[in-house]
Amino acid sequence: MVEGFLIGFLVYFCIAVLMFVIGIVQLKSKEPVGFYSGEKPPSAENLTDVGAWNRKHGAMWVIYGGVILLSYGAGAIVGDTAWCIVPMCGGVVVPVIFMIGYHHRLRDRYLR
């Protein structure tokens, strides 16, 4: 039981760290960043504020990493039942929907 918890935590932790790294790289980037949805990043000439674009996208990924960790914690609190899957998967899948919507709002705001 403890082994399963530790393995699950390690998997969620590694995924969260990956999201943190993506976010930090985007936060520090001088060139416009993409959303990693298959579309190419806009050119700097097409953005009204490259720095704000990068900061908001980077912050989005950092927050997503935090949500992933929190969702695992919530699942661990629920315990070793079938219901633990709800917060654990919900915290990984549901935020992506909000991230896509936020990305589209940022496109409307910063693209010329």
Protein backbone atom coordinates (compact mmCIF):
# COMPACT_ATOMS: atom_id res chain seq x y z
CA MET A 1 0.00 0.00 0.00
CA VAL A 2 2.77 2.45 0.90
CA GLU A 3 4.74 1.35 -2.16
CA GLY A 4 1.81 2.19 -4.45
CA PHE A 5 1.50 5.61 -2.84
CA LEU A 6 5.19 6.32 -3.35
CA ILE A 7 5.18 5.13 -6.96
CA GLY A 8 2.10 7.23 -7.71
CA PHE A 9 3.65 10.24 -6.03
CA LEU A 10 6.86 9.80 -8.01
CA VAL A 11 4.94 9.66 -11.30
CA TYR A 12 2.83 12.74 -10.48
CA PHE A 13 5.90 14.57 -9.15
CA CYS A 14 7.87 13.93 -12.36
CA ILE A 15 4.97 15.14 -14.50
CA ALA A 16 4.57 18.24 -12.31
CA VAL A 17 8.30 18.98 -12.55
CA LEU A 18 8.04 18.74 -16.34
CA MET A 19 5.22 21.31 -16.28
CA PHE A 20 7.26 23.55 -13.96
CA VAL A 21 10.24 23.37 -16.34
CA ILE A 22 8.06 24.21 -19.35
CA GLY A 23 6.65 27.16 -17.43
CA ILE A 24 10.01 28.46 -16.26
CA VAL A 25 11.49 28.18 -19.75
CA GLN A 26 8.54 30.13 -21.11
CA LEU A 27 8.79 32.74 -18.36
CA LYS A 28 12.43 33.39 -19.20
CA SER A 29 12.11 33.22 -22.98
CA LYS A 30 12.84 36.34 -25.00
CA GLU A 31 11.22 34.89 -28.14
CA PRO A 32 7.45 34.31 -28.31
CA VAL A 33 6.44 30.94 -26.91
CA GLY A 34 3.84 28.49 -28.12
CA PHE A 35 1.16 26.65 -26.25
CA TYR A 36 2.40 23.20 -27.30
CA SER A 37 -0.86 22.46 -29.04
CA GLY A 38 0.68 21.86 -32.43
CA GLU A 39 0.49 25.48 -33.51
CA LYS A 40 3.61 27.50 -34.14
CA PRO A 41 4.30 30.42 -31.80
CA PRO A 42 3.37 33.78 -33.24
CA SER A 43 6.15 36.00 -34.48
CA ALA A 44 7.23 38.90 -32.29
CA GLU A 45 5.94 41.32 -34.92
CA ASN A 46 2.42 39.89 -34.53
CA LEU A 47 2.33 40.32 -30.75
CA THR A 48 1.61 43.56 -28.94
CA ASP A 49 3.67 42.52 -25.88
CA VAL A 50 6.00 39.51 -26.13
CA GLY A 51 7.02 39.69 -22.45
CA ALA A 52 3.44 39.61 -21.16
CA TRP A 53 2.56 36.82 -23.62
CA ASN A 54 5.46 34.69 -22.37
CA ARG A 55 4.85 35.46 -18.69
CA LYS A 56 1.19 34.53 -18.85
CA HIS A 57 1.82 31.34 -20.77
CA GLY A 58 4.68 30.39 -18.45
CA ALA A 59 2.63 31.10 -15.34
CA MET A 60 -0.16 28.95 -16.75
CA TRP A 61 2.19 25.94 -16.99
CA VAL A 62 3.66 26.52 -13.52
CA ILE A 63 0.15 26.67 -12.03
CA TYR A 64 -0.75 23.50 -13.92
CA GLY A 65 2.21 21.72 -12.32
CA GLY A 66 0.96 22.82 -8.91
CA VAL A 67 -2.56 21.61 -9.69
CA ILE A 68 -1.17 18.21 -10.66
CA LEU A 69 0.55 17.91 -7.28
CA LEU A 70 -2.57 19.08 -5.44
CA SER A 71 -4.74 16.60 -7.31
CA TYR A 72 -2.49 13.76 -6.21
CA GLY A 73 -2.67 15.01 -2.63
CA ALA A 74 -6.46 15.16 -2.84
CA GLY A 75 -6.56 11.64 -4.22
CA ALA A 76 -4.29 10.44 -1.43
CA ILE A 77 -6.58 12.04 1.16
CA VAL A 78 -9.59 10.24 -0.35
CA GLY A 79 -7.65 7.06 0.23
CA ASP A 80 -7.26 3.70 -1.39
CA THR A 81 -10.72 3.55 -2.95
CA ALA A 82 -12.07 3.81 -6.46
CA TRP A 83 -13.05 7.43 -5.73
CA CYS A 84 -9.42 8.56 -5.46
CA ILE A 85 -9.28 8.51 -9.27
CA VAL A 86 -11.71 11.45 -9.49
CA PRO A 87 -9.44 14.16 -8.07
CA MET A 88 -6.30 12.53 -9.41
CA CYS A 89 -7.46 12.39 -13.03
CA GLY A 90 -9.62 15.49 -12.76
CA GLY A 91 -6.61 17.53 -11.68
CA VAL A 92 -4.70 16.43 -14.75
CA VAL A 93 -7.40 16.57 -17.43
CA VAL A 94 -9.80 19.36 -16.42
CA PRO A 95 -7.16 22.13 -16.17
CA VAL A 96 -6.16 21.49 -19.80
CA ILE A 97 -9.63 22.62 -20.88
CA PHE A 98 -9.21 25.86 -18.93
CA MET A 99 -5.68 26.30 -20.30
CA ILE A 100 -6.94 26.05 -23.87
CA GLY A 101 -9.59 28.68 -23.17
CA TYR A 102 -7.05 30.95 -21.49
CA HIS A 103 -4.67 30.55 -24.43
CA HIS A 104 -7.42 31.64 -26.82
CA ARG A 105 -8.14 34.69 -24.65
CA LEU A 106 -4.44 35.56 -24.70
CA ARG A 107 -4.43 35.24 -28.50
CA ASP A 108 -7.37 37.64 -28.70
CA ARG A 109 -5.62 40.07 -26.37
CA TYR A 110 -2.02 40.04 -27.65
CA LEU A 111 -2.17 39.12 -31.33
CA ARG A 112 -2.41 42.00 -33.78
